């Protein structure tokens, strides 16, 4: 089945096992049931034609919340869509938050994702840095909240590996492999 318009035919689902009040496990998956030849407004063509599986575990017992997860995606070979080879991603992360008191908490996140495939064999680019590329990031996010008002800072660094030369989304001028970002956000919660 192939859809040439904007329509997408996907099936997804998830199951959660609440082991006890502090521990839970989630298994989720989804995939395209039909091939989609058009690029949507936000999702690139390979991801529109992918299958994804996730498994995550959450430990939530004050003052800690810790969630490690693993993610796997696959996009099959499809000459009509320009995918000359299958490609996959394997990724994982650890998210943690420590609540110091009612006003302050500190969150941290470590993430890694790698893709398979070869540009020479026509594999789709699943990360934006070329087939076979990978990326790792680390982020710290301190947050202060008083009533409905909050202010949050964020510092992160991302490192790219095995980038295909000339990839459109490589940091900076096309040669950058590391990017650090800092931001401050404020607002109200309602």
C-alpha atoms as a PDB file:
ATOM      1  CA  UNK A   1       0.000   0.000   0.000  1.00  0.00           C
ATOM      2  CA  UNK A   2       1.368   3.456  -0.849  1.00  0.00           C
ATOM      3  CA  UNK A   3      -0.139   6.833  -0.031  1.00  0.00           C
ATOM      4  CA  UNK A   4       0.879   9.666  -2.335  1.00  0.00           C
ATOM      5  CA  UNK A   5      -0.835  12.488  -0.439  1.00  0.00           C
ATOM      6  CA  UNK A   6      -0.463  13.916   3.044  1.00  0.00           C
ATOM      7  CA  UNK A   7      -2.416  11.121   4.703  1.00  0.00           C
ATOM      8  CA  UNK A   8      -0.649   8.810   7.116  1.00  0.00           C
ATOM      9  CA  UNK A   9      -1.739   5.350   8.153  1.00  0.00           C
ATOM     10  CA  UNK A  10      -0.038   4.464  11.456  1.00  0.00           C
ATOM     11  CA  UNK A  11      -0.782   2.054  14.248  1.00  0.00           C
ATOM     12  CA  UNK A  12       0.643   2.635  17.718  1.00  0.00           C
ATOM     13  CA  UNK A  13       0.116   1.418  21.226  1.00  0.00           C
ATOM     14  CA  UNK A  14       1.606   1.197  24.677  1.00  0.00           C
ATOM     15  CA  UNK A  15       1.317  -0.889  27.813  1.00  0.00           C
ATOM     16  CA  UNK A  16       2.282   0.145  31.342  1.00  0.00           C
ATOM     17  CA  UNK A  17       3.012  -2.157  34.245  1.00  0.00           C
ATOM     18  CA  UNK A  18       2.849  -0.404  37.603  1.00  0.00           C
ATOM     19  CA  UNK A  19       5.071  -2.710  39.624  1.00  0.00           C
ATOM     20  CA  UNK A  20       4.442  -0.793  42.855  1.00  0.00           C
ATOM     21  CA  UNK A  21       3.824   2.901  43.700  1.00  0.00           C
ATOM     22  CA  UNK A  22       7.491   3.788  43.031  1.00  0.00           C
ATOM     23  CA  UNK A  23       8.283   1.611  39.987  1.00  0.00           C
ATOM     24  CA  UNK A  24       6.730   1.268  36.550  1.00  0.00           C
ATOM     25  CA  UNK A  25       7.634  -0.165  33.156  1.00  0.00           C
ATOM     26  CA  UNK A  26       6.315   1.058  29.798  1.00  0.00           C
ATOM     27  CA  UNK A  27       6.555  -0.730  26.452  1.00  0.00           C
ATOM     28  CA  UNK A  28       5.419   1.244  23.393  1.00  0.00           C
ATOM     29  CA  UNK A  29       5.556   0.844  19.654  1.00  0.00           C
ATOM     30  CA  UNK A  30       4.185   2.160  16.438  1.00  0.00           C
ATOM     31  CA  UNK A  31       4.691   2.024  12.735  1.00  0.00           C
ATOM     32  CA  UNK A  32       3.546   3.089   9.337  1.00  0.00           C
ATOM     33  CA  UNK A  33       1.046   0.638   7.866  1.00  0.00           C
ATOM     34  CA  UNK A  34       1.349   2.228   4.449  1.00  0.00           C
ATOM     35  CA  UNK A  35       4.200   3.852   2.566  1.00  0.00           C
ATOM     36  CA  UNK A  36       3.985   7.629   2.445  1.00  0.00           C
ATOM     37  CA  UNK A  37       5.660   9.249  -0.559  1.00  0.00           C
ATOM     38  CA  UNK A  38       4.968  12.859   0.450  1.00  0.00           C
ATOM     39  CA  UNK A  39       6.915  14.767   3.074  1.00  0.00           C
ATOM     40  CA  UNK A  40       4.706  16.183   5.828  1.00  0.00           C
ATOM     41  CA  UNK A  41       5.027  19.657   7.294  1.00  0.00           C
ATOM     42  CA  UNK A  42       7.083  18.491  10.295  1.00  0.00           C
ATOM     43  CA  UNK A  43       8.185  14.874   9.819  1.00  0.00           C
ATOM     44  CA  UNK A  44      10.903  13.867   7.331  1.00  0.00           C
ATOM     45  CA  UNK A  45      10.130  11.155   4.762  1.00  0.00           C
ATOM     46  CA  UNK A  46      12.152   8.334   6.418  1.00  0.00           C
ATOM     47  CA  UNK A  47      10.492   8.865   9.814  1.00  0.00           C
ATOM     48  CA  UNK A  48       7.043   8.920   8.151  1.00  0.00           C
ATOM     49  CA  UNK A  49       7.831   5.396   6.927  1.00  0.00           C
ATOM     50  CA  UNK A  50       9.408   3.971  10.072  1.00  0.00           C
ATOM     51  CA  UNK A  51       8.593   1.585  12.870  1.00  0.00           C
ATOM     52  CA  UNK A  52       9.568   2.514  16.437  1.00  0.00           C
ATOM     53  CA  UNK A  53       9.787   0.574  19.703  1.00  0.00           C
ATOM     54  CA  UNK A  54      10.463   1.972  23.186  1.00  0.00           C
ATOM     55  CA  UNK A  55      10.923   0.479  26.613  1.00  0.00           C
ATOM     56  CA  UNK A  56      11.282   2.654  29.692  1.00  0.00           C
ATOM     57  CA  UNK A  57      11.440   2.159  33.416  1.00  0.00           C
ATOM     58  CA  UNK A  58      10.609   4.844  35.995  1.00  0.00           C
ATOM     59  CA  UNK A  59      11.661   4.956  39.620  1.00  0.00           C
ATOM     60  CA  UNK A  60       9.733   7.690  41.444  1.00  0.00           C
ATOM     61  CA  UNK A  61      10.329   7.956  45.179  1.00  0.00           C
ATOM     62  CA  UNK A  62      10.893  11.450  46.569  1.00  0.00           C
ATOM     63  CA  UNK A  63      13.216  13.177  46.233  1.00  0.00           C
ATOM     64  CA  UNK A  64      14.277  11.175  43.128  1.00  0.00           C
ATOM     65  CA  UNK A  65      12.675  10.448  39.781  1.00  0.00           C
ATOM     66  CA  UNK A  66      14.882   8.369  37.476  1.00  0.00           C
ATOM     67  CA  UNK A  67      13.877   7.103  34.028  1.00  0.00           C
ATOM     68  CA  UNK A  68      16.207   5.101  31.781  1.00  0.00           C
ATOM     69  CA  UNK A  69      14.845   4.134  28.360  1.00  0.00           C
ATOM     70  CA  UNK A  70      15.840   2.383  25.154  1.00  0.00           C
ATOM     71  CA  UNK A  71      14.508   3.176  21.665  1.00  0.00           C
ATOM     72  CA  UNK A  72      14.798   1.290  18.370  1.00  0.00           C
ATOM     73  CA  UNK A  73      13.583   2.426  14.942  1.00  0.00           C
ATOM     74  CA  UNK A  74      13.759   0.786  11.539  1.00  0.00           C
ATOM     75  CA  UNK A  75      13.053   2.042   8.025  1.00  0.00           C
ATOM     76  CA  UNK A  76      12.908  -0.649   5.374  1.00  0.00           C
ATOM     77  CA  UNK A  77      14.512  -0.570   1.951  1.00  0.00           C
ATOM     78  CA  UNK A  78      12.134   0.978  -0.607  1.00  0.00           C
ATOM     79  CA  UNK A  79      13.385   1.938  -4.067  1.00  0.00           C
ATOM     80  CA  UNK A  80      10.193   3.913  -4.835  1.00  0.00           C
ATOM     81  CA  UNK A  81      10.974   6.219  -1.884  1.00  0.00           C
ATOM     82  CA  UNK A  82      14.715   6.383  -2.599  1.00  0.00           C
ATOM     83  CA  UNK A  83      15.765   4.096   0.273  1.00  0.00           C
ATOM     84  CA  UNK A  84      18.386   1.791  -1.257  1.00  0.00           C
ATOM     85  CA  UNK A  85      19.160   0.072   2.043  1.00  0.00           C
ATOM     86  CA  UNK A  86      17.462  -0.626   5.379  1.00  0.00           C
ATOM     87  CA  UNK A  87      18.446   1.760   8.190  1.00  0.00           C
ATOM     88  CA  UNK A  88      17.983   1.592  11.942  1.00  0.00           C
ATOM     89  CA  UNK A  89      18.544   3.691  15.030  1.00  0.00           C
ATOM     90  CA  UNK A  90      19.445   2.476  18.495  1.00  0.00           C
ATOM     91  CA  UNK A  91      19.186   4.976  21.310  1.00  0.00           C
ATOM     92  CA  UNK A  92      19.084   5.237  25.023  1.00  0.00           C
ATOM     93  CA  UNK A  93      18.857   7.830  27.751  1.00  0.00           C
ATOM     94  CA  UNK A  94      18.840   8.323  31.476  1.00  0.00           C
ATOM     95  CA  UNK A  95      16.662  11.125  32.824  1.00  0.00           C
ATOM     96  CA  UNK A  96      16.918  12.056  36.502  1.00  0.00           C
ATOM     97  CA  UNK A  97      15.393  14.719  38.700  1.00  0.00           C
ATOM     98  CA  UNK A  98      16.210  15.556  42.319  1.00  0.00           C
ATOM     99  CA  UNK A  99      13.732  17.718  44.250  1.00  0.00           C
ATOM    100  CA  UNK A 100      15.595  19.658  46.948  1.00  0.00           C
ATOM    101  CA  UNK A 101      12.447  21.268  48.404  1.00  0.00           C
ATOM    102  CA  UNK A 102       9.127  22.766  47.272  1.00  0.00           C
ATOM    103  CA  UNK A 103      10.944  25.501  45.324  1.00  0.00           C
ATOM    104  CA  UNK A 104      14.096  23.932  43.839  1.00  0.00           C
ATOM    105  CA  UNK A 105      14.864  20.888  41.732  1.00  0.00           C
ATOM    106  CA  UNK A 106      17.683  19.816  39.439  1.00  0.00           C
ATOM    107  CA  UNK A 107      17.130  17.639  36.379  1.00  0.00           C
ATOM    108  CA  UNK A 108      19.786  15.952  34.283  1.00  0.00           C
ATOM    109  CA  UNK A 109      19.656  14.006  31.059  1.00  0.00           C
ATOM    110  CA  UNK A 110      22.210  11.852  29.197  1.00  0.00           C
ATOM    111  CA  UNK A 111      21.238  10.628  25.707  1.00  0.00           C
ATOM    112  CA  UNK A 112      22.903   8.606  22.958  1.00  0.00           C
ATOM    113  CA  UNK A 113      21.579   7.589  19.535  1.00  0.00           C
ATOM    114  CA  UNK A 114      23.288   5.818  16.628  1.00  0.00           C
ATOM    115  CA  UNK A 115      22.081   5.077  13.117  1.00  0.00           C
ATOM    116  CA  UNK A 116      23.049   2.348  10.678  1.00  0.00           C
ATOM    117  CA  UNK A 117      23.384   2.297   6.935  1.00  0.00           C
ATOM    118  CA  UNK A 118      25.638   3.738   4.260  1.00  0.00           C
ATOM    119  CA  UNK A 119      25.146   6.822   2.111  1.00  0.00           C
ATOM    120  CA  UNK A 120      26.921   4.982  -0.723  1.00  0.00           C
ATOM    121  CA  UNK A 121      24.267   2.244  -0.599  1.00  0.00           C
ATOM    122  CA  UNK A 122      21.363   4.708  -0.428  1.00  0.00           C
ATOM    123  CA  UNK A 123      20.333   4.280   3.199  1.00  0.00           C
ATOM    124  CA  UNK A 124      17.965   6.981   4.482  1.00  0.00           C
ATOM    125  CA  UNK A 125      19.384   9.629   6.823  1.00  0.00           C
ATOM    126  CA  UNK A 126      17.535   9.089  10.101  1.00  0.00           C
ATOM    127  CA  UNK A 127      19.365  11.626  12.298  1.00  0.00           C
ATOM    128  CA  UNK A 128      20.077  14.479   9.912  1.00  0.00           C
ATOM    129  CA  UNK A 129      23.862  13.930  10.033  1.00  0.00           C
ATOM    130  CA  UNK A 130      24.071  11.188   7.400  1.00  0.00           C
ATOM    131  CA  UNK A 131      23.520   7.415   7.467  1.00  0.00           C
ATOM    132  CA  UNK A 132      25.729   5.700  10.051  1.00  0.00           C
ATOM    133  CA  UNK A 133      26.056   8.825  12.208  1.00  0.00           C
ATOM    134  CA  UNK A 134      25.513   9.092  15.948  1.00  0.00           C
ATOM    135  CA  UNK A 135      25.108  11.746  18.639  1.00  0.00           C
ATOM    136  CA  UNK A 136      25.476  12.029  22.405  1.00  0.00           C
ATOM    137  CA  UNK A 137      24.226  14.817  24.665  1.00  0.00           C
ATOM    138  CA  UNK A 138      24.239  15.824  28.313  1.00  0.00           C
ATOM    139  CA  UNK A 139      21.874  18.420  29.825  1.00  0.00           C
ATOM    140  CA  UNK A 140      21.422  20.000  33.265  1.00  0.00           C
ATOM    141  CA  UNK A 141      18.260  21.932  34.117  1.00  0.00           C
ATOM    142  CA  UNK A 142      17.905  23.683  37.492  1.00  0.00           C
ATOM    143  CA  UNK A 143      14.399  25.038  38.209  1.00  0.00           C
ATOM    144  CA  UNK A 144      13.016  27.438  40.809  1.00  0.00           C
ATOM    145  CA  UNK A 145       9.240  27.679  41.341  1.00  0.00           C
ATOM    146  CA  UNK A 146       7.300  29.879  43.767  1.00  0.00           C
ATOM    147  CA  UNK A 147       3.553  29.474  43.446  1.00  0.00           C
ATOM    148  CA  UNK A 148       2.678  29.800  39.765  1.00  0.00           C
ATOM    149  CA  UNK A 149       5.919  31.609  38.828  1.00  0.00           C
ATOM    150  CA  UNK A 150       8.952  29.627  37.634  1.00  0.00           C
ATOM    151  CA  UNK A 151      12.422  30.300  36.250  1.00  0.00           C
ATOM    152  CA  UNK A 152      14.469  27.551  34.670  1.00  0.00           C
ATOM    153  CA  UNK A 153      17.985  27.461  33.308  1.00  0.00           C
ATOM    154  CA  UNK A 154      19.428  24.904  30.950  1.00  0.00           C
ATOM    155  CA  UNK A 155      22.940  24.001  29.870  1.00  0.00           C
ATOM    156  CA  UNK A 156      23.592  21.255  27.352  1.00  0.00           C
ATOM    157  CA  UNK A 157      26.349  19.936  25.137  1.00  0.00           C
ATOM    158  CA  UNK A 158      25.916  17.652  22.117  1.00  0.00           C
ATOM    159  CA  UNK A 159      28.679  15.743  20.328  1.00  0.00           C
ATOM    160  CA  UNK A 160      28.260  14.224  16.836  1.00  0.00           C
ATOM    161  CA  UNK A 161      30.128  11.173  15.521  1.00  0.00           C
ATOM    162  CA  UNK A 162      30.616   9.600  12.051  1.00  0.00           C
ATOM    163  CA  UNK A 163      29.005  12.544  10.282  1.00  0.00           C
ATOM    164  CA  UNK A 164      28.572  12.307   6.511  1.00  0.00           C
ATOM    165  CA  UNK A 165      30.523  15.219   4.937  1.00  0.00           C
ATOM    166  CA  UNK A 166      28.155  17.931   3.730  1.00  0.00           C
ATOM    167  CA  UNK A 167      25.214  16.876   5.899  1.00  0.00           C
ATOM    168  CA  UNK A 168      22.747  19.736   6.056  1.00  0.00           C
ATOM    169  CA  UNK A 169      22.163  19.646   9.803  1.00  0.00           C
ATOM    170  CA  UNK A 170      25.777  19.539  11.048  1.00  0.00           C
ATOM    171  CA  UNK A 171      26.419  22.296  13.599  1.00  0.00           C
ATOM    172  CA  UNK A 172      27.726  25.666  12.489  1.00  0.00           C
ATOM    173  CA  UNK A 173      29.272  25.921   9.038  1.00  0.00           C
ATOM    174  CA  UNK A 174      29.031  22.218   8.242  1.00  0.00           C
ATOM    175  CA  UNK A 175      32.223  21.183  10.020  1.00  0.00           C
ATOM    176  CA  UNK A 176      31.115  21.582  13.640  1.00  0.00           C
ATOM    177  CA  UNK A 177      30.765  18.397  15.674  1.00  0.00           C
ATOM    178  CA  UNK A 178      30.116  19.872  19.133  1.00  0.00           C
ATOM    179  CA  UNK A 179      27.455  22.344  20.208  1.00  0.00           C
ATOM    180  CA  UNK A 180      26.877  23.869  23.644  1.00  0.00           C
ATOM    181  CA  UNK A 181      23.620  25.658  24.396  1.00  0.00           C
ATOM    182  CA  UNK A 182      22.464  27.752  27.323  1.00  0.00           C
ATOM    183  CA  UNK A 183      19.038  29.231  27.974  1.00  0.00           C
ATOM    184  CA  UNK A 184      16.910  30.807  30.650  1.00  0.00           C
ATOM    185  CA  UNK A 185      13.131  30.429  30.611  1.00  0.00           C
ATOM    186  CA  UNK A 186      10.546  32.019  32.862  1.00  0.00           C
ATOM    187  CA  UNK A 187       6.784  32.012  33.014  1.00  0.00           C
ATOM    188  CA  UNK A 188       3.699  31.029  34.953  1.00  0.00           C
ATOM    189  CA  UNK A 189       2.113  27.639  35.430  1.00  0.00           C
ATOM    190  CA  UNK A 190      -1.670  27.504  35.238  1.00  0.00           C
END
